[in-house]
Amino acid sequence: AERQRRAIQKIATGDMLAFYISKKTVDSSLNDPAHKVQQFRGIARVTGEAFESNELIWHVREGEIFPHRRKVEFLTDTSAEARPLINKLSFVTNTAFWALPFQKGYVEIAPRDFQTLQEAMKAR
């Protein structure tokens, strides 16, 4: 929880976010081919300061709450398949295990990588 709090506080108002989705539902198995999704989806701009709340935002795993939050404004809900982009993203250092950085939950990326994601989502 402390790691998530520090990550949320490190983000600045005005920073841009892109989201990575690995599966269709939170409770589906990571390797279930029927529920596997590997895409970047949605871009948002951070519009407010860090705050904490125990209000349930959405139903995920039993009783799981994400108390460390930022207000955001969603700019797009488009998506781009991740696999065609892995050789274009500088934060991917191991193409065999390219999704490992996302298991941390928060990855800071270079502006050119963000631009690559934005362009891929627009092209779709």
C-alpha atoms as a PDB file:
ATOM      1  CA  ALA A   1       0.000   0.000   0.000  1.00  0.00           C
ATOM      2  CA  GLU A   2       2.866   2.391   0.783  1.00  0.00           C
ATOM      3  CA  ARG A   3       4.372   1.795  -2.672  1.00  0.00           C
ATOM      4  CA  GLN A   4       1.061   2.670  -4.344  1.00  0.00           C
ATOM      5  CA  ARG A   5       0.714   5.811  -2.215  1.00  0.00           C
ATOM      6  CA  ARG A   6       4.184   7.010  -3.225  1.00  0.00           C
ATOM      7  CA  ALA A   7       3.498   6.231  -6.905  1.00  0.00           C
ATOM      8  CA  ILE A   8       0.230   8.184  -6.875  1.00  0.00           C
ATOM      9  CA  GLN A   9       1.898  11.163  -5.166  1.00  0.00           C
ATOM     10  CA  LYS A  10       4.756  11.135  -7.690  1.00  0.00           C
ATOM     11  CA  ILE A  11       2.322  11.793 -10.534  1.00  0.00           C
ATOM     12  CA  ALA A  12       1.837  15.520 -11.199  1.00  0.00           C
ATOM     13  CA  THR A  13      -1.334  17.372 -12.111  1.00  0.00           C
ATOM     14  CA  GLY A  14      -1.283  17.633 -15.906  1.00  0.00           C
ATOM     15  CA  ASP A  15       0.576  14.324 -16.405  1.00  0.00           C
ATOM     16  CA  MET A  16      -0.864  12.016 -19.031  1.00  0.00           C
ATOM     17  CA  LEU A  17      -1.792   8.371 -18.432  1.00  0.00           C
ATOM     18  CA  ALA A  18      -2.220   5.404 -20.768  1.00  0.00           C
ATOM     19  CA  PHE A  19      -3.709   2.151 -19.509  1.00  0.00           C
ATOM     20  CA  TYR A  20      -2.654  -1.442 -20.225  1.00  0.00           C
ATOM     21  CA  ILE A  21      -5.256  -4.211 -20.123  1.00  0.00           C
ATOM     22  CA  SER A  22      -4.184  -7.859 -19.890  1.00  0.00           C
ATOM     23  CA  LYS A  23      -7.512  -9.642 -19.427  1.00  0.00           C
ATOM     24  CA  LYS A  24     -11.257  -9.106 -19.897  1.00  0.00           C
ATOM     25  CA  THR A  25     -12.239  -9.573 -16.256  1.00  0.00           C
ATOM     26  CA  VAL A  26     -10.263  -9.071 -13.060  1.00  0.00           C
ATOM     27  CA  ASP A  27     -11.011 -12.550 -11.731  1.00  0.00           C
ATOM     28  CA  SER A  28     -10.179 -14.452 -14.940  1.00  0.00           C
ATOM     29  CA  SER A  29      -6.997 -16.507 -15.067  1.00  0.00           C
ATOM     30  CA  LEU A  30      -4.025 -14.700 -16.636  1.00  0.00           C
ATOM     31  CA  ASN A  31      -3.534 -17.513 -19.172  1.00  0.00           C
ATOM     32  CA  ASP A  32      -7.194 -18.105 -20.035  1.00  0.00           C
ATOM     33  CA  PRO A  33      -7.202 -17.592 -23.833  1.00  0.00           C
ATOM     34  CA  ALA A  34     -10.917 -16.695 -23.847  1.00  0.00           C
ATOM     35  CA  HIS A  35     -10.268 -13.779 -21.484  1.00  0.00           C
ATOM     36  CA  LYS A  36      -6.793 -12.712 -22.572  1.00  0.00           C
ATOM     37  CA  VAL A  37      -6.470  -9.138 -23.820  1.00  0.00           C
ATOM     38  CA  GLN A  38      -3.159  -7.413 -24.504  1.00  0.00           C
ATOM     39  CA  GLN A  39      -3.843  -3.832 -25.379  1.00  0.00           C
ATOM     40  CA  PHE A  40      -3.295  -0.259 -24.416  1.00  0.00           C
ATOM     41  CA  ARG A  41      -6.652   1.395 -23.936  1.00  0.00           C
ATOM     42  CA  GLY A  42      -7.603   4.903 -22.969  1.00  0.00           C
ATOM     43  CA  ILE A  43      -5.700   8.099 -22.325  1.00  0.00           C
ATOM     44  CA  ALA A  44      -6.359  10.430 -19.420  1.00  0.00           C
ATOM     45  CA  ARG A  45      -4.924  13.639 -17.996  1.00  0.00           C
ATOM     46  CA  VAL A  46      -4.421  13.985 -14.232  1.00  0.00           C
ATOM     47  CA  THR A  47      -6.552  16.922 -13.054  1.00  0.00           C
ATOM     48  CA  GLY A  48      -6.273  16.870  -9.263  1.00  0.00           C
ATOM     49  CA  GLU A  49      -4.042  16.329  -6.263  1.00  0.00           C
ATOM     50  CA  ALA A  50      -3.503  12.939  -4.588  1.00  0.00           C
ATOM     51  CA  PHE A  51      -6.138  11.926  -2.043  1.00  0.00           C
ATOM     52  CA  GLU A  52      -7.303   8.847  -0.159  1.00  0.00           C
ATOM     53  CA  SER A  53     -10.755   7.317  -0.074  1.00  0.00           C
ATOM     54  CA  ASN A  54     -12.192   3.950   0.947  1.00  0.00           C
ATOM     55  CA  GLU A  55     -15.279   4.456  -1.216  1.00  0.00           C
ATOM     56  CA  LEU A  56     -15.728   1.471  -3.526  1.00  0.00           C
ATOM     57  CA  ILE A  57     -15.260   2.679  -7.125  1.00  0.00           C
ATOM     58  CA  TRP A  58     -15.853  -0.613  -8.942  1.00  0.00           C
ATOM     59  CA  HIS A  59     -16.243  -4.253  -7.956  1.00  0.00           C
ATOM     60  CA  VAL A  60     -13.045  -6.223  -8.313  1.00  0.00           C
ATOM     61  CA  ARG A  61     -11.663  -8.971  -6.121  1.00  0.00           C
ATOM     62  CA  GLU A  62     -13.470  -9.584  -2.840  1.00  0.00           C
ATOM     63  CA  GLY A  63     -13.337  -6.413  -0.753  1.00  0.00           C
ATOM     64  CA  GLU A  64     -10.410  -4.903  -2.676  1.00  0.00           C
ATOM     65  CA  ILE A  65     -10.291  -1.118  -2.469  1.00  0.00           C
ATOM     66  CA  PHE A  66      -7.753   1.176  -4.091  1.00  0.00           C
ATOM     67  CA  PRO A  67      -7.528   4.022  -1.562  1.00  0.00           C
ATOM     68  CA  HIS A  68      -4.772   6.098  -3.216  1.00  0.00           C
ATOM     69  CA  ARG A  69      -6.306   8.155  -6.014  1.00  0.00           C
ATOM     70  CA  ARG A  70      -6.061  11.068  -8.418  1.00  0.00           C
ATOM     71  CA  LYS A  71      -8.856  12.770 -10.316  1.00  0.00           C
ATOM     72  CA  VAL A  72      -8.458  12.326 -14.072  1.00  0.00           C
ATOM     73  CA  GLU A  73     -10.149  13.485 -17.258  1.00  0.00           C
ATOM     74  CA  PHE A  74     -10.435  10.778 -19.903  1.00  0.00           C
ATOM     75  CA  LEU A  75      -9.462  12.085 -23.330  1.00  0.00           C
ATOM     76  CA  THR A  76     -10.021   8.895 -25.325  1.00  0.00           C
ATOM     77  CA  ASP A  77     -11.282   5.355 -24.875  1.00  0.00           C
ATOM     78  CA  THR A  78      -9.652   3.973 -28.015  1.00  0.00           C
ATOM     79  CA  SER A  79      -7.297   1.000 -27.913  1.00  0.00           C
ATOM     80  CA  ALA A  80      -4.236  -0.418 -29.651  1.00  0.00           C
ATOM     81  CA  GLU A  81      -2.976  -3.994 -29.608  1.00  0.00           C
ATOM     82  CA  ALA A  82       0.217  -4.182 -27.549  1.00  0.00           C
ATOM     83  CA  ARG A  83       2.203  -6.853 -29.427  1.00  0.00           C
ATOM     84  CA  PRO A  84       2.793  -4.831 -32.629  1.00  0.00           C
ATOM     85  CA  LEU A  85       4.179  -1.987 -30.491  1.00  0.00           C
ATOM     86  CA  ILE A  86       6.708  -3.826 -28.303  1.00  0.00           C
ATOM     87  CA  ASN A  87       9.664  -3.256 -30.647  1.00  0.00           C
ATOM     88  CA  LYS A  88       8.825   0.479 -30.801  1.00  0.00           C
ATOM     89  CA  LEU A  89       8.723   1.110 -27.039  1.00  0.00           C
ATOM     90  CA  SER A  90      11.995   1.994 -25.311  1.00  0.00           C
ATOM     91  CA  PHE A  91      10.847   0.754 -21.890  1.00  0.00           C
ATOM     92  CA  VAL A  92      10.530  -2.796 -23.287  1.00  0.00           C
ATOM     93  CA  THR A  93      14.001  -4.226 -22.744  1.00  0.00           C
ATOM     94  CA  ASN A  94      13.113  -7.921 -23.037  1.00  0.00           C
ATOM     95  CA  THR A  95      10.777  -8.695 -25.942  1.00  0.00           C
ATOM     96  CA  ALA A  96      10.144 -12.255 -24.691  1.00  0.00           C
ATOM     97  CA  PHE A  97       8.838 -10.956 -21.358  1.00  0.00           C
ATOM     98  CA  TRP A  98       7.671  -7.544 -22.546  1.00  0.00           C
ATOM     99  CA  ALA A  99       4.628  -7.385 -20.233  1.00  0.00           C
ATOM    100  CA  LEU A 100       6.632  -7.762 -16.998  1.00  0.00           C
ATOM    101  CA  PRO A 101       6.952  -3.990 -16.343  1.00  0.00           C
ATOM    102  CA  PHE A 102       3.145  -3.725 -16.158  1.00  0.00           C
ATOM    103  CA  GLN A 103       2.935  -6.171 -13.251  1.00  0.00           C
ATOM    104  CA  LYS A 104       4.234  -3.367 -11.018  1.00  0.00           C
ATOM    105  CA  GLY A 105       1.017  -1.488 -11.759  1.00  0.00           C
ATOM    106  CA  TYR A 106       2.664   1.827 -12.629  1.00  0.00           C
ATOM    107  CA  VAL A 107       5.383   2.422 -15.196  1.00  0.00           C
ATOM    108  CA  GLU A 108       6.739   5.868 -16.019  1.00  0.00           C
ATOM    109  CA  ILE A 109       7.495   6.077 -19.746  1.00  0.00           C
ATOM    110  CA  ALA A 110       9.373   8.480 -21.993  1.00  0.00           C
ATOM    111  CA  PRO A 111       7.392  11.126 -23.925  1.00  0.00           C
ATOM    112  CA  ARG A 112       8.259   9.429 -27.241  1.00  0.00           C
ATOM    113  CA  ASP A 113       6.813   6.122 -25.965  1.00  0.00           C
ATOM    114  CA  PHE A 114       3.645   7.905 -24.903  1.00  0.00           C
ATOM    115  CA  GLN A 115       3.457   9.476 -28.360  1.00  0.00           C
ATOM    116  CA  THR A 116       3.828   6.010 -29.915  1.00  0.00           C
ATOM    117  CA  LEU A 117       0.882   4.778 -27.833  1.00  0.00           C
ATOM    118  CA  GLN A 118      -1.223   7.842 -28.712  1.00  0.00           C
ATOM    119  CA  GLU A 119      -0.539   7.454 -32.427  1.00  0.00           C
ATOM    120  CA  ALA A 120      -1.353   3.729 -32.351  1.00  0.00           C
ATOM    121  CA  MET A 121      -4.671   4.415 -30.611  1.00  0.00           C
ATOM    122  CA  LYS A 122      -5.555   7.154 -33.132  1.00  0.00           C
ATOM    123  CA  ALA A 123      -4.659   4.959 -36.100  1.00  0.00           C
ATOM    124  CA  ARG A 124      -7.142   2.329 -35.034  1.00  0.00           C
END
